[in-house]
PDB file of N, CA and C in Angstrom:
ATOM      1  N   UNK A   1       0.849  -1.179   0.000  1.00  0.00           N
ATOM      2  CA  UNK A   1       0.000   0.000   0.000  1.00  0.00           C
ATOM      3  C   UNK A   1       0.890   1.236   0.000  1.00  0.00           C
ATOM      4  N   UNK A   2       0.529   2.245  -0.755  1.00  0.00           N
ATOM      5  CA  UNK A   2       1.346   3.444  -0.873  1.00  0.00           C
ATOM      6  C   UNK A   2       0.742   4.609  -0.102  1.00  0.00           C
ATOM      7  N   UNK A   3       1.421   5.725  -0.167  1.00  0.00           N
ATOM      8  CA  UNK A   3       0.927   6.958   0.442  1.00  0.00           C
ATOM      9  C   UNK A   3      -0.062   7.684  -0.471  1.00  0.00           C
ATOM     10  N   UNK A   4      -0.211   7.227  -1.717  1.00  0.00           N
ATOM     11  CA  UNK A   4      -1.077   7.915  -2.666  1.00  0.00           C
ATOM     12  C   UNK A   4      -2.493   8.065  -2.123  1.00  0.00           C
ATOM     13  N   UNK A   5      -3.063   9.251  -2.328  1.00  0.00           N
ATOM     14  CA  UNK A   5      -4.432   9.502  -1.909  1.00  0.00           C
ATOM     15  C   UNK A   5      -4.539  10.756  -1.060  1.00  0.00           C
ATOM     16  N   UNK A   6      -5.699  10.918  -0.453  1.00  0.00           N
ATOM     17  CA  UNK A   6      -5.970  12.062   0.419  1.00  0.00           C
ATOM     18  C   UNK A   6      -5.932  11.621   1.870  1.00  0.00           C
ATOM     19  N   UNK A   7      -5.308  12.413   2.684  1.00  0.00           N
ATOM     20  CA  UNK A   7      -5.150  12.143   4.112  1.00  0.00           C
ATOM     21  C   UNK A   7      -5.555  13.394   4.883  1.00  0.00           C
ATOM     22  N   UNK A   8      -6.170  13.201   6.030  1.00  0.00           N
ATOM     23  CA  UNK A   8      -6.470  14.321   6.921  1.00  0.00           C
ATOM     24  C   UNK A   8      -5.629  14.137   8.173  1.00  0.00           C
ATOM     25  N   UNK A   9      -4.799  15.146   8.469  1.00  0.00           N
ATOM     26  CA  UNK A   9      -3.977  15.074   9.665  1.00  0.00           C
ATOM     27  C   UNK A   9      -4.373  16.193  10.624  1.00  0.00           C
ATOM     28  N   UNK A  10      -4.062  15.964  11.894  1.00  0.00           N
ATOM     29  CA  UNK A  10      -4.347  16.941  12.946  1.00  0.00           C
ATOM     30  C   UNK A  10      -3.020  17.367  13.551  1.00  0.00           C
ATOM     31  N   UNK A  11      -2.817  18.685  13.590  1.00  0.00           N
ATOM     32  CA  UNK A  11      -1.596  19.244  14.137  1.00  0.00           C
ATOM     33  C   UNK A  11      -1.968  20.125  15.326  1.00  0.00           C
ATOM     34  N   UNK A  12      -1.610  19.716  16.554  1.00  0.00           N
ATOM     35  CA  UNK A  12      -1.900  20.565  17.705  1.00  0.00           C
ATOM     36  C   UNK A  12      -0.963  21.779  17.723  1.00  0.00           C
ATOM     37  N   UNK A  13      -1.532  22.972  17.909  1.00  0.00           N
ATOM     38  CA  UNK A  13      -0.740  24.198  17.952  1.00  0.00           C
ATOM     39  C   UNK A  13      -1.213  25.045  19.136  1.00  0.00           C
ATOM     40  N   UNK A  14      -0.436  26.059  19.508  1.00  0.00           N
ATOM     41  CA  UNK A  14      -0.893  26.967  20.564  1.00  0.00           C
ATOM     42  C   UNK A  14      -2.200  27.683  20.198  1.00  0.00           C
ATOM     43  N   UNK A  15      -2.509  27.762  18.902  1.00  0.00           N
ATOM     44  CA  UNK A  15      -3.743  28.404  18.447  1.00  0.00           C
ATOM     45  C   UNK A  15      -4.891  27.415  18.338  1.00  0.00           C
ATOM     46  N   UNK A  16      -4.681  26.190  18.783  1.00  0.00           N
ATOM     47  CA  UNK A  16      -5.691  25.137  18.673  1.00  0.00           C
ATOM     48  C   UNK A  16      -5.292  24.127  17.614  1.00  0.00           C
ATOM     49  N   UNK A  17      -6.005  23.015  17.585  1.00  0.00           N
ATOM     50  CA  UNK A  17      -5.722  21.967  16.602  1.00  0.00           C
ATOM     51  C   UNK A  17      -6.001  22.470  15.191  1.00  0.00           C
ATOM     52  N   UNK A  18      -5.064  22.182  14.286  1.00  0.00           N
ATOM     53  CA  UNK A  18      -5.217  22.537  12.887  1.00  0.00           C
ATOM     54  C   UNK A  18      -5.430  21.257  12.086  1.00  0.00           C
ATOM     55  N   UNK A  19      -6.495  21.216  11.298  1.00  0.00           N
ATOM     56  CA  UNK A  19      -6.722  20.079  10.406  1.00  0.00           C
ATOM     57  C   UNK A  19      -6.182  20.434   9.032  1.00  0.00           C
ATOM     58  N   UNK A  20      -5.399  19.515   8.485  1.00  0.00           N
ATOM     59  CA  UNK A  20      -4.735  19.737   7.209  1.00  0.00           C
ATOM     60  C   UNK A  20      -5.063  18.563   6.298  1.00  0.00           C
ATOM     61  N   UNK A  21      -5.434  18.859   5.071  1.00  0.00           N
ATOM     62  CA  UNK A  21      -5.717  17.832   4.073  1.00  0.00           C
ATOM     63  C   UNK A  21      -4.495  17.676   3.181  1.00  0.00           C
ATOM     64  N   UNK A  22      -3.952  16.468   3.143  1.00  0.00           N
ATOM     65  CA  UNK A  22      -2.794  16.153   2.306  1.00  0.00           C
ATOM     66  C   UNK A  22      -3.259  15.414   1.066  1.00  0.00           C
ATOM     67  N   UNK A  23      -2.746  15.790  -0.088  1.00  0.00           N
ATOM     68  CA  UNK A  23      -3.020  15.090  -1.343  1.00  0.00           C
ATOM     69  C   UNK A  23      -1.662  14.625  -1.866  1.00  0.00           C
ATOM     70  N   UNK A  24      -1.438  13.313  -1.835  1.00  0.00           N
ATOM     71  CA  UNK A  24      -0.137  12.736  -2.167  1.00  0.00           C
ATOM     72  C   UNK A  24      -0.282  11.811  -3.365  1.00  0.00           C
ATOM     73  N   UNK A  25       0.664  11.907  -4.323  1.00  0.00           N
ATOM     74  CA  UNK A  25       0.612  10.981  -5.451  1.00  0.00           C
ATOM     75  C   UNK A  25       1.983  10.759  -6.067  1.00  0.00           C
ATOM     76  N   UNK A  26       2.106   9.592  -6.680  1.00  0.00           N
ATOM     77  CA  UNK A  26       3.262   9.216  -7.502  1.00  0.00           C
ATOM     78  C   UNK A  26       2.789   9.238  -8.947  1.00  0.00           C
ATOM     79  N   UNK A  27       3.520   9.880  -9.800  1.00  0.00           N
ATOM     80  CA  UNK A  27       3.189   9.861 -11.219  1.00  0.00           C
ATOM     81  C   UNK A  27       4.500   9.827 -11.986  1.00  0.00           C
ATOM     82  N   UNK A  28       4.602   8.870 -12.886  1.00  0.00           N
ATOM     83  CA  UNK A  28       5.818   8.709 -13.684  1.00  0.00           C
ATOM     84  C   UNK A  28       7.054   8.599 -12.790  1.00  0.00           C
ATOM     85  N   UNK A  29       6.920   7.870 -11.660  1.00  0.00           N
ATOM     86  CA  UNK A  29       8.041   7.664 -10.761  1.00  0.00           C
ATOM     87  C   UNK A  29       8.394   8.869  -9.912  1.00  0.00           C
ATOM     88  N   UNK A  30       7.550   9.891  -9.935  1.00  0.00           N
ATOM     89  CA  UNK A  30       7.837  11.123  -9.204  1.00  0.00           C
ATOM     90  C   UNK A  30       6.808  11.339  -8.096  1.00  0.00           C
ATOM     91  N   UNK A  31       7.268  11.596  -6.883  1.00  0.00           N
ATOM     92  CA  UNK A  31       6.405  11.843  -5.739  1.00  0.00           C
ATOM     93  C   UNK A  31       6.092  13.328  -5.643  1.00  0.00           C
ATOM     94  N   UNK A  32       4.823  13.659  -5.423  1.00  0.00           N
ATOM     95  CA  UNK A  32       4.441  15.048  -5.203  1.00  0.00           C
ATOM     96  C   UNK A  32       3.293  15.097  -4.217  1.00  0.00           C
ATOM     97  N   UNK A  33       3.022  16.280  -3.704  1.00  0.00           N
ATOM     98  CA  UNK A  33       1.930  16.424  -2.771  1.00  0.00           C
ATOM     99  C   UNK A  33       1.631  17.876  -2.481  1.00  0.00           C
ATOM    100  N   UNK A  34       0.449  18.100  -1.925  1.00  0.00           N
ATOM    101  CA  UNK A  34       0.057  19.420  -1.454  1.00  0.00           C
ATOM    102  C   UNK A  34      -0.575  19.270  -0.080  1.00  0.00           C
ATOM    103  N   UNK A  35      -0.547  20.353   0.666  1.00  0.00           N
ATOM    104  CA  UNK A  35      -1.186  20.419   1.978  1.00  0.00           C
ATOM    105  C   UNK A  35      -2.126  21.617   1.969  1.00  0.00           C
ATOM    106  N   UNK A  36      -3.378  21.377   2.365  1.00  0.00           N
ATOM    107  CA  UNK A  36      -4.377  22.447   2.400  1.00  0.00           C
ATOM    108  C   UNK A  36      -4.880  22.620   3.821  1.00  0.00           C
ATOM    109  N   UNK A  37      -4.809  23.851   4.303  1.00  0.00           N
ATOM    110  CA  UNK A  37      -5.364  24.207   5.606  1.00  0.00           C
ATOM    111  C   UNK A  37      -6.101  25.521   5.408  1.00  0.00           C
ATOM    112  N   UNK A  38      -7.413  25.487   5.627  1.00  0.00           N
ATOM    113  CA  UNK A  38      -8.213  26.683   5.377  1.00  0.00           C
ATOM    114  C   UNK A  38      -8.174  27.026   3.901  1.00  0.00           C
ATOM    115  N   UNK A  39      -7.842  28.272   3.589  1.00  0.00           N
ATOM    116  CA  UNK A  39      -7.797  28.698   2.187  1.00  0.00           C
ATOM    117  C   UNK A  39      -6.383  28.701   1.610  1.00  0.00           C
ATOM    118  N   UNK A  40      -5.448  28.082   2.317  1.00  0.00           N
ATOM    119  CA  UNK A  40      -4.061  28.040   1.844  1.00  0.00           C
ATOM    120  C   UNK A  40      -3.683  26.616   1.417  1.00  0.00           C
ATOM    121  N   UNK A  41      -3.205  26.474   0.183  1.00  0.00           N
ATOM    122  CA  UNK A  41      -2.690  25.198  -0.328  1.00  0.00           C
ATOM    123  C   UNK A  41      -1.244  25.418  -0.733  1.00  0.00           C
ATOM    124  N   UNK A  42      -0.368  24.564  -0.205  1.00  0.00           N
ATOM    125  CA  UNK A  42       1.059  24.699  -0.495  1.00  0.00           C
ATOM    126  C   UNK A  42       1.603  23.363  -0.985  1.00  0.00           C
ATOM    127  N   UNK A  43       2.607  23.406  -1.865  1.00  0.00           N
ATOM    128  CA  UNK A  43       3.207  22.158  -2.362  1.00  0.00           C
ATOM    129  C   UNK A  43       4.214  21.591  -1.371  1.00  0.00           C
ATOM    130  N   UNK A  44       4.382  20.263  -1.435  1.00  0.00           N
ATOM    131  CA  UNK A  44       5.463  19.610  -0.697  1.00  0.00           C
ATOM    132  C   UNK A  44       6.782  20.028  -1.338  1.00  0.00           C
ATOM    133  N   UNK A  45       7.797  20.238  -0.525  1.00  0.00           N
ATOM    134  CA  UNK A  45       9.142  20.518  -1.012  1.00  0.00           C
ATOM    135  C   UNK A  45      10.015  19.313  -0.714  1.00  0.00           C
ATOM    136  N   UNK A  46      10.672  18.796  -1.720  1.00  0.00           N
ATOM    137  CA  UNK A  46      11.596  17.659  -1.599  1.00  0.00           C
ATOM    138  C   UNK A  46      10.998  16.446  -0.889  1.00  0.00           C
ATOM    139  N   UNK A  47       9.822  15.972  -1.322  1.00  0.00           N
ATOM    140  CA  UNK A  47       9.241  14.795  -0.661  1.00  0.00           C
ATOM    141  C   UNK A  47      10.020  13.525  -1.011  1.00  0.00           C
ATOM    142  N   UNK A  48      10.160  12.643  -0.018  1.00  0.00           N
ATOM    143  CA  UNK A  48      10.785  11.343  -0.246  1.00  0.00           C
ATOM    144  C   UNK A  48      10.032  10.283   0.559  1.00  0.00           C
ATOM    145  N   UNK A  49      10.007   9.089   0.003  1.00  0.00           N
ATOM    146  CA  UNK A  49       9.398   7.945   0.688  1.00  0.00           C
ATOM    147  C   UNK A  49      10.440   6.851   0.803  1.00  0.00           C
ATOM    148  N   UNK A  50      10.565   6.292   2.000  1.00  0.00           N
ATOM    149  CA  UNK A  50      11.399   5.129   2.241  1.00  0.00           C
ATOM    150  C   UNK A  50      10.553   4.150   3.040  1.00  0.00           C
ATOM    151  N   UNK A  51      10.118   3.077   2.387  1.00  0.00           N
ATOM    152  CA  UNK A  51       9.258   2.110   3.064  1.00  0.00           C
ATOM    153  C   UNK A  51       7.954   2.748   3.508  1.00  0.00           C
ATOM    154  N   UNK A  52       7.702   2.734   4.807  1.00  0.00           N
ATOM    155  CA  UNK A  52       6.470   3.310   5.363  1.00  0.00           C
ATOM    156  C   UNK A  52       6.700   4.699   5.953  1.00  0.00           C
ATOM    157  N   UNK A  53       7.769   5.366   5.535  1.00  0.00           N
ATOM    158  CA  UNK A  53       8.106   6.699   6.049  1.00  0.00           C
ATOM    159  C   UNK A  53       8.108   7.704   4.904  1.00  0.00           C
ATOM    160  N   UNK A  54       7.467   8.866   5.150  1.00  0.00           N
ATOM    161  CA  UNK A  54       7.480   9.950   4.172  1.00  0.00           C
ATOM    162  C   UNK A  54       8.038  11.205   4.847  1.00  0.00           C
ATOM    163  N   UNK A  55       8.907  11.892   4.134  1.00  0.00           N
ATOM    164  CA  UNK A  55       9.517  13.135   4.603  1.00  0.00           C
ATOM    165  C   UNK A  55       9.244  14.231   3.589  1.00  0.00           C
ATOM    166  N   UNK A  56       8.970  15.431   4.057  1.00  0.00           N
ATOM    167  CA  UNK A  56       8.874  16.593   3.187  1.00  0.00           C
ATOM    168  C   UNK A  56       8.912  17.840   4.050  1.00  0.00           C
ATOM    169  N   UNK A  57       9.070  18.982   3.394  1.00  0.00           N
ATOM    170  CA  UNK A  57       8.911  20.257   4.070  1.00  0.00           C
ATOM    171  C   UNK A  57       7.942  21.085   3.250  1.00  0.00           C
ATOM    172  N   UNK A  58       7.409  22.119   3.858  1.00  0.00           N
ATOM    173  CA  UNK A  58       6.488  23.014   3.159  1.00  0.00           C
ATOM    174  C   UNK A  58       6.595  24.384   3.796  1.00  0.00           C
ATOM    175  N   UNK A  59       6.325  25.409   3.011  1.00  0.00           N
ATOM    176  CA  UNK A  59       6.344  26.779   3.500  1.00  0.00           C
ATOM    177  C   UNK A  59       4.911  27.272   3.610  1.00  0.00           C
ATOM    178  N   UNK A  60       4.558  27.799   4.790  1.00  0.00           N
ATOM    179  CA  UNK A  60       3.221  28.325   4.992  1.00  0.00           C
ATOM    180  C   UNK A  60       3.301  29.824   5.271  1.00  0.00           C
ATOM    181  N   UNK A  61       2.167  30.498   5.142  1.00  0.00           N
ATOM    182  CA  UNK A  61       2.105  31.927   5.457  1.00  0.00           C
ATOM    183  C   UNK A  61       1.120  32.221   6.575  1.00  0.00           C
ATOM    184  N   UNK A  62       0.272  31.227   6.934  1.00  0.00           N
ATOM    185  CA  UNK A  62      -0.731  31.432   7.989  1.00  0.00           C
ATOM    186  C   UNK A  62      -0.576  30.356   9.048  1.00  0.00           C
ATOM    187  N   UNK A  63      -0.624  30.625  10.296  1.00  0.00           N
ATOM    188  CA  UNK A  63      -0.892  31.929  10.895  1.00  0.00           C
ATOM    189  C   UNK A  63       0.324  32.847  10.865  1.00  0.00           C
ATOM    190  N   UNK A  64       1.508  32.295  10.538  1.00  0.00           N
ATOM    191  CA  UNK A  64       2.707  33.099  10.351  1.00  0.00           C
ATOM    192  C   UNK A  64       3.583  32.406   9.315  1.00  0.00           C
ATOM    193  N   UNK A  65       4.433  33.178   8.686  1.00  0.00           N
ATOM    194  CA  UNK A  65       5.301  32.631   7.652  1.00  0.00           C
ATOM    195  C   UNK A  65       6.388  31.766   8.299  1.00  0.00           C
ATOM    196  N   UNK A  66       6.465  30.497   7.847  1.00  0.00           N
ATOM    197  CA  UNK A  66       7.500  29.592   8.348  1.00  0.00           C
ATOM    198  C   UNK A  66       7.578  28.348   7.472  1.00  0.00           C
ATOM    199  N   UNK A  67       8.672  27.625   7.647  1.00  0.00           N
ATOM    200  CA  UNK A  67       8.825  26.334   6.987  1.00  0.00           C
ATOM    201  C   UNK A  67       8.586  25.250   8.030  1.00  0.00           C
ATOM    202  N   UNK A  68       7.836  24.208   7.631  1.00  0.00           N
ATOM    203  CA  UNK A  68       7.554  23.080   8.513  1.00  0.00           C
ATOM    204  C   UNK A  68       8.138  21.828   7.873  1.00  0.00           C
ATOM    205  N   UNK A  69       8.861  21.046   8.658  1.00  0.00           N
ATOM    206  CA  UNK A  69       9.408  19.773   8.197  1.00  0.00           C
ATOM    207  C   UNK A  69       8.591  18.648   8.806  1.00  0.00           C
ATOM    208  N   UNK A  70       8.209  17.681   7.966  1.00  0.00           N
ATOM    209  CA  UNK A  70       7.393  16.552   8.402  1.00  0.00           C
ATOM    210  C   UNK A  70       8.157  15.238   8.261  1.00  0.00           C
ATOM    211  N   UNK A  71       7.931  14.348   9.216  1.00  0.00           N
ATOM    212  CA  UNK A  71       8.375  12.961   9.136  1.00  0.00           C
ATOM    213  C   UNK A  71       7.209  12.125   9.663  1.00  0.00           C
ATOM    214  N   UNK A  72       6.519  11.444   8.745  1.00  0.00           N
ATOM    215  CA  UNK A  72       5.343  10.664   9.112  1.00  0.00           C
ATOM    216  C   UNK A  72       5.529   9.208   8.706  1.00  0.00           C
ATOM    217  N   UNK A  73       4.902   8.334   9.473  1.00  0.00           N
ATOM    218  CA  UNK A  73       4.950   6.900   9.217  1.00  0.00           C
ATOM    219  C   UNK A  73       3.545   6.392   8.956  1.00  0.00           C
ATOM    220  N   UNK A  74       3.406   5.528   7.951  1.00  0.00           N
ATOM    221  CA  UNK A  74       2.104   4.961   7.576  1.00  0.00           C
ATOM    222  C   UNK A  74       1.969   3.581   8.179  1.00  0.00           C
ATOM    223  N   UNK A  75       0.800   3.322   8.757  1.00  0.00           N
ATOM    224  CA  UNK A  75       0.422   1.997   9.229  1.00  0.00           C
ATOM    225  C   UNK A  75      -0.979   1.752   8.683  1.00  0.00           C
ATOM    226  N   UNK A  76      -1.041   1.000   7.573  1.00  0.00           N
ATOM    227  CA  UNK A  76      -2.322   0.801   6.859  1.00  0.00           C
ATOM    228  C   UNK A  76      -2.866   2.163   6.429  1.00  0.00           C
ATOM    229  N   UNK A  77      -4.006   2.563   7.005  1.00  0.00           N
ATOM    230  CA  UNK A  77      -4.647   3.817   6.613  1.00  0.00           C
ATOM    231  C   UNK A  77      -4.515   4.907   7.668  1.00  0.00           C
ATOM    232  N   UNK A  78      -3.460   4.835   8.488  1.00  0.00           N
ATOM    233  CA  UNK A  78      -3.216   5.890   9.473  1.00  0.00           C
ATOM    234  C   UNK A  78      -1.796   6.428   9.320  1.00  0.00           C
ATOM    235  N   UNK A  79      -1.619   7.679   9.711  1.00  0.00           N
ATOM    236  CA  UNK A  79      -0.320   8.330   9.714  1.00  0.00           C
ATOM    237  C   UNK A  79      -0.032   8.831  11.122  1.00  0.00           C
ATOM    238  N   UNK A  80       1.234   8.772  11.511  1.00  0.00           N
ATOM    239  CA  UNK A  80       1.663   9.373  12.768  1.00  0.00           C
ATOM    240  C   UNK A  80       3.118   9.768  12.623  1.00  0.00           C
ATOM    241  N   UNK A  81       3.513  10.755  13.381  1.00  0.00           N
ATOM    242  CA  UNK A  81       4.890  11.197  13.315  1.00  0.00           C
ATOM    243  C   UNK A  81       5.055  12.568  13.906  1.00  0.00           C
ATOM    244  N   UNK A  82       5.995  13.321  13.343  1.00  0.00           N
ATOM    245  CA  UNK A  82       6.356  14.626  13.889  1.00  0.00           C
ATOM    246  C   UNK A  82       6.354  15.703  12.810  1.00  0.00           C
ATOM    247  N   UNK A  83       6.029  16.916  13.252  1.00  0.00           N
ATOM    248  CA  UNK A  83       6.186  18.123  12.441  1.00  0.00           C
ATOM    249  C   UNK A  83       7.113  19.049  13.215  1.00  0.00           C
ATOM    250  N   UNK A  84       8.030  19.689  12.523  1.00  0.00           N
ATOM    251  CA  UNK A  84       8.963  20.626  13.148  1.00  0.00           C
ATOM    252  C   UNK A  84       8.740  21.991  12.512  1.00  0.00           C
ATOM    253  N   UNK A  85       7.923  22.854  13.170  1.00  0.00           N
ATOM    254  CA  UNK A  85       7.613  24.165  12.602  1.00  0.00           C
ATOM    255  C   UNK A  85       8.665  25.225  12.943  1.00  0.00           C
ATOM    256  N   UNK A  86       9.450  25.596  11.940  1.00  0.00           N
ATOM    257  CA  UNK A  86      10.442  26.653  12.128  1.00  0.00           C
ATOM    258  C   UNK A  86      11.335  26.410  13.326  1.00  0.00           C
ATOM    259  N   UNK A  87      11.454  27.413  14.190  1.00  0.00           N
ATOM    260  CA  UNK A  87      12.314  27.311  15.368  1.00  0.00           C
ATOM    261  C   UNK A  87      11.580  26.732  16.577  1.00  0.00           C
ATOM    262  N   UNK A  88      10.289  26.394  16.434  1.00  0.00           N
ATOM    263  CA  UNK A  88       9.520  25.823  17.536  1.00  0.00           C
ATOM    264  C   UNK A  88       9.879  24.346  17.728  1.00  0.00           C
ATOM    265  N   UNK A  89       9.595  23.791  18.920  1.00  0.00           N
ATOM    266  CA  UNK A  89       9.854  22.363  19.141  1.00  0.00           C
ATOM    267  C   UNK A  89       8.980  21.490  18.242  1.00  0.00           C
ATOM    268  N   UNK A  90       9.433  20.268  17.984  1.00  0.00           N
ATOM    269  CA  UNK A  90       8.642  19.322  17.199  1.00  0.00           C
ATOM    270  C   UNK A  90       7.347  18.962  17.919  1.00  0.00           C
ATOM    271  N   UNK A  91       6.313  18.663  17.132  1.00  0.00           N
ATOM    272  CA  UNK A  91       5.028  18.297  17.699  1.00  0.00           C
ATOM    273  C   UNK A  91       4.530  17.017  17.051  1.00  0.00           C
ATOM    274  N   UNK A  92       3.749  16.249  17.790  1.00  0.00           N
ATOM    275  CA  UNK A  92       3.189  15.003  17.279  1.00  0.00           C
ATOM    276  C   UNK A  92       2.057  15.291  16.314  1.00  0.00           C
ATOM    277  N   UNK A  93       2.001  14.499  15.244  1.00  0.00           N
ATOM    278  CA  UNK A  93       0.980  14.634  14.209  1.00  0.00           C
ATOM    279  C   UNK A  93       0.337  13.271  14.020  1.00  0.00           C
ATOM    280  N   UNK A  94      -0.977  13.258  13.802  1.00  0.00           N
ATOM    281  CA  UNK A  94      -1.656  11.992  13.513  1.00  0.00           C
ATOM    282  C   UNK A  94      -2.754  12.248  12.497  1.00  0.00           C
ATOM    283  N   UNK A  95      -3.135  11.193  11.792  1.00  0.00           N
ATOM    284  CA  UNK A  95      -4.196  11.349  10.795  1.00  0.00           C
ATOM    285  C   UNK A  95      -4.563  10.038  10.170  1.00  0.00           C
ATOM    286  N   UNK A  96      -5.463  10.139   9.189  1.00  0.00           N
ATOM    287  CA  UNK A  96      -5.931   8.926   8.511  1.00  0.00           C
ATOM    288  C   UNK A  96      -6.264   9.244   7.063  1.00  0.00           C
ATOM    289  N   UNK A  97      -6.314   8.165   6.279  1.00  0.00           N
ATOM    290  CA  UNK A  97      -6.655   8.284   4.854  1.00  0.00           C
ATOM    291  C   UNK A  97      -8.142   8.589   4.743  1.00  0.00           C
ATOM    292  N   UNK A  98      -8.487   9.537   3.861  1.00  0.00           N
ATOM    293  CA  UNK A  98      -9.893   9.863   3.620  1.00  0.00           C
ATOM    294  C   UNK A  98     -10.337   9.475   2.224  1.00  0.00           C
ATOM    295  N   UNK A  99      -9.402   9.200   1.333  1.00  0.00           N
ATOM    296  CA  UNK A  99      -9.748   8.736  -0.020  1.00  0.00           C
ATOM    297  C   UNK A  99      -8.525   8.115  -0.677  1.00  0.00           C
TER     298      UNK A  99
END
């Protein structure tokens, strides 16, 4: 089973939990993805998959401009791992496949 598809993850923040929709796909041997939160959609930067682990970073502008690095692990239709937002400490992330 691959990471391809739509996933909804929850990221706890000081401003409350943020729900983010991930759209991940492989096409012609190339991995790509986007993350949508509210009205902002951003592309994955340098995504890589090794086994059941996916890594990428993304730049957001809301609620503040920063780069977030993700390391998530897939177990069937669930994701868990860490997000490292800018200079803030890493936080636990969890989610599941929605399509």
